[in-house]
Amino acid sequence: MKKPLSILMVEDSPDDALLVSATLERNGLAHVVARVDNEEQFRSALDQGGFDLILSDSQMPSFSGPDALRLYRERLAHLDEAQRALAEVPFVFVSGTLGEERAIEMLKGGATDYVLKDRLIRLPSVIERAMADAEERTARRAVQQQFFHAQKMEAVGRLAAGIAHDFNNLLTVILGYTEMLMKPSLDERARGHAARVLDAGNRAMILTRRLLTFSRESAAEIQVLDLNRVVADMEALVRTAIGDQHELQLELAPEPALVRADAGQMDQVLMNLAINARDAMPEGGTVTVSTACLTLPEAEHPTPAGEYVCLGVSDSGIGMSPETQARIFEPFFTTKPVGVGTGLGLSTVFGIARQSGGFVRVKSALGEGTTMEVLLPVAAAAEAAGNAEAGA
């Protein structure tokens, strides 16, 4: 059952508003109406948001439909592309005095359509078409944004791989010569200095491996894993990593959660996500690790339809803004203070998920916590895909 359509109606006549509502009801369009008739009320309604459609009269004693359209378009113009895509709704004029030339002018100004009050029988079909077009635009924008994001991450991955390879070559020379210096004849102070160089170089090697993982150029030992077992084996280590100030809850699937992936990489994914969840709750809170087997219909997600295993890590922390969510998988991007973290944790998770044939999705809002979900094809589906590629 569809939820009722939420309509913001700009109309000074209660009788006309009731007539419009009755017309929609007769045609089976369930709806709720918030009526305004002046600029102050209209601005307040825009601030509150939450409506699916705006219906506006053309002329009113203290306000006008064209003014409402102008204010609405100005409000949208101040939003970024992602926010505008969420906020934009159809704007339909319902008027008894709107002439053809004026109507064309309003359509050029951003109105979706218009209906004359003496022809209200057209209104339900106009609304249904406008809402269908809006849904199609939203779906198209979502696919375009995913495509552009994938292109950007691919370009960043190529850059990261190039830097990692060059840096790795330099580190090999540095570490090799430093090991040559570590002779028994070297005095203790000099050996200590050389040991610190080796330690720093080995840590730098770890960073290059993370960059190569992000760019999908690191070798992986793929095998069938049960993510339930992975979580159970890592439980003690995760509890230690998040500390006594945070509670760990496990919600594991009752059936085996089988995927094809590298065991060490899955351990790294779980640890990175758990530490991120911990850091989002500096005052303490709950980290929830879950697994689930689910089906993704193609109609609900631009990712290929199929059977997936979901490894989820949730926190009860501060959440993330849409702007932060758009950048969290970029290498070296971090919201943590300078000197805390490398900014490679989530980019590594992103790279491992792609390398394993899956993807990562984020559910977060400011003040409502964050859930990171790594979705990987179930083992049977992954094996079938691998066999198909081998035979191609």
Protein backbone atom coordinates (compact mmCIF):
# COMPACT_ATOMS: atom_id res chain seq x y z
CA MET A 1 0.00 0.00 0.00
CA LYS A 2 1.42 3.34 -1.09
CA LYS A 3 1.69 6.08 1.49
CA PRO A 4 -0.62 9.07 0.92
CA LEU A 5 0.71 11.83 -1.29
CA SER A 6 1.85 14.82 0.78
CA ILE A 7 0.68 18.00 -0.99
CA LEU A 8 1.63 21.58 -0.22
CA MET A 9 -1.30 23.63 -1.55
CA VAL A 10 -0.92 27.37 -2.16
CA GLU A 11 -4.58 28.42 -2.17
CA ASP A 12 -6.54 31.20 -0.47
CA SER A 13 -9.98 29.62 -0.98
CA PRO A 14 -10.86 26.78 1.44
CA ASP A 15 -13.74 25.79 -0.86
CA ASP A 16 -11.46 25.44 -3.88
CA ALA A 17 -9.00 23.45 -1.77
CA LEU A 18 -11.80 21.07 -0.75
CA LEU A 19 -12.89 20.75 -4.40
CA VAL A 20 -9.37 19.80 -5.47
CA SER A 21 -9.09 17.29 -2.63
CA ALA A 22 -12.47 15.72 -3.49
CA THR A 23 -11.42 15.36 -7.13
CA LEU A 24 -8.30 13.49 -6.12
CA GLU A 25 -10.21 11.25 -3.71
CA ARG A 26 -12.75 10.31 -6.38
CA ASN A 27 -9.89 9.15 -8.56
CA GLY A 28 -8.29 7.05 -5.83
CA LEU A 29 -5.35 9.34 -5.05
CA ALA A 30 -4.81 9.09 -1.29
CA HIS A 31 -3.30 12.33 -0.04
CA VAL A 32 -2.80 14.76 2.82
CA VAL A 33 -2.87 18.53 2.29
CA ALA A 34 -1.10 21.41 4.01
CA ARG A 35 -2.69 24.66 2.77
CA VAL A 36 -0.94 28.04 2.85
CA ASP A 37 -2.08 31.38 1.45
CA ASN A 38 0.73 33.87 2.08
CA GLU A 39 4.47 34.21 1.64
CA GLU A 40 5.37 33.70 5.30
CA GLN A 41 3.44 30.43 5.51
CA PHE A 42 4.91 29.27 2.20
CA ARG A 43 8.49 29.95 3.31
CA SER A 44 7.84 28.14 6.58
CA ALA A 45 6.46 25.13 4.70
CA LEU A 46 9.56 25.06 2.47
CA ASP A 47 11.76 25.10 5.56
CA GLN A 48 9.90 22.12 7.02
CA GLY A 49 9.90 20.16 3.73
CA GLY A 50 8.56 16.62 3.57
CA PHE A 51 6.02 17.17 0.78
CA ASP A 52 5.81 15.32 -2.54
CA LEU A 53 4.04 17.91 -4.67
CA ILE A 54 3.15 21.61 -4.78
CA LEU A 55 -0.24 22.73 -6.15
CA SER A 56 -0.62 26.49 -6.49
CA ASP A 57 -3.33 28.95 -7.47
CA SER A 58 -2.21 31.74 -9.75
CA GLN A 59 -3.68 34.86 -8.11
CA MET A 60 -4.45 35.48 -4.43
CA PRO A 61 -5.07 38.69 -2.47
CA SER A 62 -1.76 38.66 -0.56
CA PHE A 63 0.37 36.27 -2.59
CA SER A 64 0.64 34.81 -6.10
CA GLY A 65 1.49 31.51 -7.71
CA PRO A 66 4.32 32.99 -9.82
CA ASP A 67 5.87 34.41 -6.63
CA ALA A 68 5.60 30.99 -4.99
CA LEU A 69 7.29 29.37 -8.00
CA ARG A 70 10.07 31.98 -7.97
CA LEU A 71 10.72 31.48 -4.24
CA TYR A 72 10.73 27.72 -4.66
CA ARG A 73 13.19 27.80 -7.59
CA GLU A 74 15.44 30.24 -5.70
CA ARG A 75 15.46 27.87 -2.74
CA LEU A 76 16.52 24.97 -4.99
CA ALA A 77 19.21 27.08 -6.67
CA HIS A 78 21.05 27.47 -3.34
CA LEU A 79 21.34 23.71 -2.85
CA ASP A 80 24.12 21.52 -4.21
CA GLU A 81 23.25 18.93 -6.84
CA ALA A 82 22.70 16.06 -4.39
CA GLN A 83 20.49 18.14 -2.07
CA ARG A 84 18.52 19.56 -5.00
CA ALA A 85 17.82 16.07 -6.32
CA LEU A 86 16.28 15.17 -2.95
CA ALA A 87 14.34 18.42 -2.48
CA GLU A 88 12.91 19.00 -5.97
CA VAL A 89 9.22 18.06 -6.37
CA PRO A 90 6.65 18.76 -9.12
CA PHE A 91 5.05 22.24 -9.09
CA VAL A 92 1.60 22.32 -10.73
CA PHE A 93 -0.57 25.41 -11.19
CA VAL A 94 -4.30 24.94 -10.51
CA SER A 95 -5.94 28.22 -11.50
CA GLY A 96 -9.10 29.72 -12.88
CA THR A 97 -7.37 32.75 -14.42
CA LEU A 98 -4.15 31.44 -15.96
CA GLY A 99 -4.11 32.35 -19.66
CA GLU A 100 -2.21 30.35 -22.24
CA GLU A 101 0.64 32.87 -22.63
CA ARG A 102 1.03 33.17 -18.87
CA ALA A 103 0.95 29.38 -18.52
CA ILE A 104 3.74 28.97 -21.08
CA GLU A 105 5.75 31.61 -19.21
CA MET A 106 5.34 29.68 -15.95
CA LEU A 107 6.36 26.40 -17.59
CA LYS A 108 9.53 28.08 -18.85
CA GLY A 109 10.09 29.35 -15.31
CA GLY A 110 10.16 25.83 -13.88
CA ALA A 111 6.52 24.80 -13.36
CA THR A 112 5.73 21.17 -14.16
CA ASP A 113 2.23 21.64 -15.62
CA TYR A 114 -1.00 23.58 -15.18
CA VAL A 115 -4.69 22.73 -14.85
CA LEU A 116 -7.65 25.11 -15.10
CA LYS A 117 -10.12 24.94 -12.23
CA ASP A 118 -13.04 24.41 -14.59
CA ARG A 119 -11.22 21.31 -15.92
CA LEU A 120 -10.20 19.65 -12.67
CA ILE A 121 -10.95 16.26 -14.17
CA ARG A 122 -7.47 16.52 -15.74
CA LEU A 123 -5.74 17.01 -12.40
CA PRO A 124 -5.38 13.35 -11.26
CA SER A 125 -3.76 12.29 -14.53
CA VAL A 126 -1.50 15.37 -14.50
CA ILE A 127 -0.36 14.53 -10.95
CA GLU A 128 0.21 10.86 -11.73
CA ARG A 129 2.29 11.73 -14.77
CA ALA A 130 4.27 14.38 -12.87
CA MET A 131 5.03 11.98 -10.00
CA ALA A 132 6.04 9.20 -12.42
CA ASP A 133 8.38 11.60 -14.24
CA ALA A 134 9.85 12.73 -10.91
CA GLU A 135 10.52 9.13 -9.84
CA GLU A 136 12.18 8.40 -13.18
CA ARG A 137 14.40 11.49 -12.87
CA THR A 138 15.38 10.49 -9.34
CA ALA A 139 16.30 6.97 -10.44
CA ARG A 140 18.25 8.32 -13.42
CA ARG A 141 20.15 10.77 -11.21
CA ALA A 142 21.02 7.96 -8.79
CA VAL A 143 22.46 5.83 -11.59
CA GLN A 144 24.40 8.82 -13.02
CA GLN A 145 25.83 9.69 -9.60
CA GLN A 146 26.94 6.10 -9.07
CA PHE A 147 28.55 6.07 -12.51
CA PHE A 148 30.39 9.37 -11.94
CA HIS A 149 31.49 8.21 -8.49
CA ALA A 150 32.77 4.93 -9.94
CA GLN A 151 34.71 6.85 -12.60
CA LYS A 152 36.24 9.13 -9.99
CA MET A 153 37.24 6.24 -7.74
CA GLU A 154 38.74 4.41 -10.73
CA ALA A 155 40.86 7.46 -11.58
CA VAL A 156 41.94 7.84 -7.95
CA GLY A 157 42.76 4.12 -7.88
CA ARG A 158 45.04 4.42 -10.92
CA LEU A 159 46.81 7.40 -9.33
CA ALA A 160 47.15 5.56 -6.01
CA ALA A 161 48.56 2.48 -7.75
CA GLY A 162 51.18 4.54 -9.59
CA ILE A 163 52.27 6.31 -6.41
CA ALA A 164 52.34 3.05 -4.45
CA HIS A 165 54.49 1.27 -7.04
CA ASP A 166 57.02 4.11 -7.23
CA PHE A 167 57.10 4.52 -3.45
CA ASN A 168 57.49 0.77 -3.00
CA ASN A 169 60.56 0.77 -5.26
CA LEU A 170 62.14 3.55 -3.20
CA LEU A 171 61.34 1.74 0.05
CA THR A 172 62.93 -1.47 -1.22
CA VAL A 173 66.21 0.37 -1.73
CA ILE A 174 65.99 2.15 1.65
CA LEU A 175 65.17 -1.03 3.58
CA GLY A 176 67.77 -3.09 1.72
CA TYR A 177 70.63 -0.74 2.48
CA THR A 178 69.45 -0.26 6.07
CA GLU A 179 69.50 -4.03 6.63
CA MET A 180 73.02 -4.10 5.23
CA LEU A 181 74.03 -1.56 7.87
CA MET A 182 72.73 -3.78 10.68
CA LYS A 183 76.03 -5.62 11.21
CA PRO A 184 77.21 -6.97 14.56
CA SER A 185 80.20 -4.63 14.34
CA LEU A 186 77.93 -1.56 14.29
CA ASP A 187 77.86 0.24 17.64
CA GLU A 188 74.69 -0.02 19.71
CA ARG A 189 73.58 3.59 19.19
CA ALA A 190 73.92 3.37 15.39
CA ARG A 191 72.07 0.01 15.37
CA GLY A 192 69.23 1.67 17.28
CA HIS A 193 69.01 4.42 14.66
CA ALA A 194 69.04 1.86 11.85
CA ALA A 195 66.34 -0.19 13.60
CA ARG A 196 64.11 2.85 13.75
CA VAL A 197 64.63 3.42 10.01
CA LEU A 198 63.66 -0.21 9.37
CA ASP A 199 60.56 0.12 11.54
CA ALA A 200 59.43 3.29 9.76
CA GLY A 201 60.11 1.72 6.37
CA ASN A 202 58.07 -1.39 7.23
CA ARG A 203 55.15 0.79 8.33
CA ALA A 204 55.41 2.67 5.05
CA MET A 205 55.30 -0.69 3.23
CA ILE A 206 51.98 -1.41 4.96
CA LEU A 207 50.61 1.88 3.62
CA THR A 208 51.67 1.02 0.07
CA ARG A 209 49.98 -2.37 0.37
CA ARG A 210 46.78 -0.62 1.44
CA LEU A 211 46.98 1.68 -1.57
CA LEU A 212 47.49 -1.31 -3.86
CA THR A 213 44.50 -3.04 -2.25
CA PHE A 214 42.38 0.06 -2.91
CA SER A 215 43.47 0.07 -6.57
CA ARG A 216 42.85 -3.72 -6.87
CA GLU A 217 46.47 -4.43 -7.77
CA SER A 218 47.43 -6.50 -4.73
CA ALA A 219 47.44 -10.30 -4.84
CA ALA A 220 44.64 -12.02 -2.94
CA GLU A 221 44.28 -15.65 -1.88
CA ILE A 222 40.63 -16.29 -2.73
CA GLN A 223 38.82 -19.07 -0.90
CA VAL A 224 35.32 -19.86 0.31
CA LEU A 225 34.77 -18.25 3.73
CA ASP A 226 31.90 -18.25 6.19
CA LEU A 227 31.63 -14.64 7.38
CA ASN A 228 29.94 -15.91 10.54
CA ARG A 229 33.16 -17.78 11.35
CA VAL A 230 35.28 -14.76 10.40
CA VAL A 231 33.34 -12.57 12.86
CA ALA A 232 33.43 -15.20 15.60
CA ASP A 233 37.20 -15.71 15.22
CA MET A 234 37.80 -11.93 15.29
CA GLU A 235 35.42 -11.19 18.20
CA ALA A 236 38.08 -11.08 20.95
CA LEU A 237 40.41 -8.92 18.86
CA VAL A 238 37.60 -6.51 17.94
CA ARG A 239 36.55 -6.21 21.60
CA THR A 240 40.13 -5.30 22.51
CA ALA A 241 40.37 -2.78 19.66
CA ILE A 242 37.17 -0.87 20.53
CA GLY A 243 37.96 -0.81 24.27
CA ASP A 244 35.95 -1.26 27.44
CA GLN A 245 34.11 2.03 26.89
CA HIS A 246 32.26 0.50 23.95
CA GLU A 247 29.90 -2.47 23.87
CA LEU A 248 30.12 -5.04 21.08
CA GLN A 249 26.96 -6.79 19.87
CA LEU A 250 26.89 -9.62 17.32
CA GLU A 251 23.85 -10.34 15.15
CA LEU A 252 24.87 -13.23 12.91
CA ALA A 253 22.82 -14.96 10.22
CA PRO A 254 21.40 -18.34 11.31
CA GLU A 255 22.63 -19.94 8.07
CA PRO A 256 26.25 -20.03 6.79
CA ALA A 257 27.23 -16.70 5.20
CA LEU A 258 29.47 -18.08 2.45
CA VAL A 259 31.52 -15.81 0.17
CA ARG A 260 34.66 -16.12 -1.96
CA ALA A 261 37.29 -13.76 -0.57
CA ASP A 262 40.74 -13.49 1.00
CA ALA A 263 40.63 -14.40 4.71
CA GLY A 264 43.19 -11.80 5.76
CA GLN A 265 41.39 -9.10 3.79
CA MET A 266 38.06 -9.94 5.44
CA ASP A 267 39.74 -9.65 8.86
CA GLN A 268 41.06 -6.26 7.78
CA VAL A 269 37.63 -5.12 6.57
CA LEU A 270 36.00 -6.04 9.87
CA MET A 271 38.73 -4.41 11.97
CA ASN A 272 38.76 -1.19 9.89
CA LEU A 273 34.99 -0.82 10.13
CA ALA A 274 34.96 -1.59 13.86
CA ILE A 275 37.67 1.00 14.58
CA ASN A 276 35.82 3.59 12.49
CA ALA A 277 32.65 2.85 14.47
CA ARG A 278 34.58 3.21 17.72
CA ASP A 279 36.06 6.55 16.67
CA ALA A 280 32.57 7.86 15.82
CA MET A 281 31.62 7.44 19.51
CA PRO A 282 34.32 9.18 21.59
CA GLU A 283 32.08 9.08 24.68
CA GLY A 284 31.32 5.38 24.29
CA GLY A 285 28.45 3.51 22.70
CA THR A 286 27.49 0.30 20.95
CA VAL A 287 29.21 -1.29 17.96
CA THR A 288 26.97 -3.85 16.25
CA VAL A 289 28.46 -6.39 13.83
CA SER A 290 25.96 -8.32 11.74
CA THR A 291 25.81 -10.78 8.87
CA ALA A 292 22.82 -11.52 6.66
CA CYS A 293 22.02 -13.35 3.45
CA LEU A 294 19.79 -11.29 1.17
CA THR A 295 18.52 -10.88 -2.37
CA LEU A 296 18.90 -7.61 -4.29
CA PRO A 297 16.26 -7.13 -6.99
CA GLU A 298 17.67 -5.09 -9.87
CA ALA A 299 14.72 -2.70 -9.66
CA GLU A 300 15.78 -1.59 -6.19
CA HIS A 301 19.49 -1.00 -6.75
CA PRO A 302 21.78 -0.19 -9.69
CA THR A 303 24.06 -3.04 -8.56
CA PRO A 304 23.42 -6.33 -10.42
CA ALA A 305 20.56 -8.32 -8.97
CA GLY A 306 21.43 -11.50 -7.14
CA GLU A 307 22.14 -13.26 -3.88
CA TYR A 308 24.51 -11.44 -1.52
CA VAL A 309 26.02 -11.81 1.93
CA CYS A 310 26.03 -8.58 3.91
CA LEU A 311 28.63 -7.82 6.58
CA GLY A 312 27.37 -4.80 8.50
CA VAL A 313 28.98 -2.67 11.20
CA SER A 314 26.79 -0.08 12.93
CA ASP A 315 27.49 2.55 15.54
CA SER A 316 25.31 4.79 17.69
CA GLY A 317 27.55 7.79 17.08
CA ILE A 318 27.30 11.24 15.54
CA GLY A 319 26.53 10.16 11.97
CA MET A 320 27.73 11.78 8.74
CA SER A 321 26.50 14.56 6.50
CA PRO A 322 25.81 13.83 2.79
CA GLU A 323 28.95 15.84 1.92
CA THR A 324 31.13 13.62 4.11
CA GLN A 325 29.51 10.44 2.81
CA ALA A 326 30.39 11.47 -0.75
CA ARG A 327 34.12 11.46 0.10
CA ILE A 328 34.66 8.75 2.71
CA PHE A 329 36.16 6.22 0.26
CA GLU A 330 38.77 8.64 -1.11
CA PRO A 331 42.33 7.69 -0.04
CA PHE A 332 43.68 9.94 2.73
CA PHE A 333 40.31 11.63 3.33
CA THR A 334 39.58 11.74 7.05
CA THR A 335 37.50 13.73 9.51
CA LYS A 336 39.83 12.78 12.37
CA PRO A 337 42.33 15.23 13.90
CA VAL A 338 45.74 15.65 12.28
CA GLY A 339 48.02 12.77 13.22
CA VAL A 340 45.15 10.39 14.03
CA GLY A 341 44.67 7.71 11.39
CA THR A 342 45.87 7.57 7.77
CA GLY A 343 42.61 8.15 5.91
CA LEU A 344 43.07 4.76 4.23
CA GLY A 345 40.74 2.62 6.38
CA LEU A 346 37.54 2.96 4.36
CA SER A 347 39.31 3.23 1.00
CA THR A 348 40.92 -0.14 1.80
CA VAL A 349 37.49 -1.59 2.62
CA PHE A 350 36.18 -0.20 -0.67
CA GLY A 351 39.06 -1.75 -2.64
CA ILE A 352 38.71 -5.16 -0.97
CA ALA A 353 34.96 -5.21 -1.63
CA ARG A 354 35.49 -4.43 -5.33
CA GLN A 355 38.28 -6.98 -5.60
CA SER A 356 35.91 -9.59 -4.14
CA GLY A 357 33.15 -8.74 -6.64
CA GLY A 358 31.04 -6.74 -4.19
CA PHE A 359 30.39 -3.18 -3.09
CA VAL A 360 29.97 -1.03 -0.01
CA ARG A 361 26.92 1.02 0.91
CA VAL A 362 26.49 3.58 3.66
CA LYS A 363 23.44 4.44 5.75
CA SER A 364 23.98 7.50 7.91
CA ALA A 365 22.45 10.77 9.07
CA LEU A 366 23.71 13.41 11.46
CA GLY A 367 22.82 12.48 15.02
CA GLU A 368 21.54 9.03 14.02
CA GLY A 369 24.69 6.93 13.79
CA THR A 370 26.16 5.08 10.81
CA THR A 371 25.85 1.62 9.28
CA MET A 372 28.51 0.44 6.84
CA GLU A 373 27.51 -2.60 4.78
CA VAL A 374 29.90 -4.70 2.69
CA LEU A 375 27.88 -6.82 0.25
CA LEU A 376 29.62 -9.73 -1.46
CA PRO A 377 28.14 -12.32 -3.85
CA VAL A 378 27.29 -15.59 -2.12
CA ALA A 379 29.91 -18.25 -2.77
CA ALA A 380 27.79 -20.25 -5.22
CA ALA A 381 27.04 -17.19 -7.36
CA ALA A 382 30.67 -16.04 -7.23
CA GLU A 383 31.95 -19.49 -8.29
CA ALA A 384 29.49 -19.62 -11.17
CA ALA A 385 30.63 -16.19 -12.34
CA GLY A 386 34.29 -17.24 -12.06
CA ASN A 387 33.68 -20.41 -14.08
CA ALA A 388 31.84 -18.44 -16.73
CA GLU A 389 34.82 -16.03 -17.05
CA ALA A 390 37.29 -18.91 -17.23
CA GLY A 391 35.33 -20.53 -20.06
CA ALA A 392 34.93 -17.29 -22.02
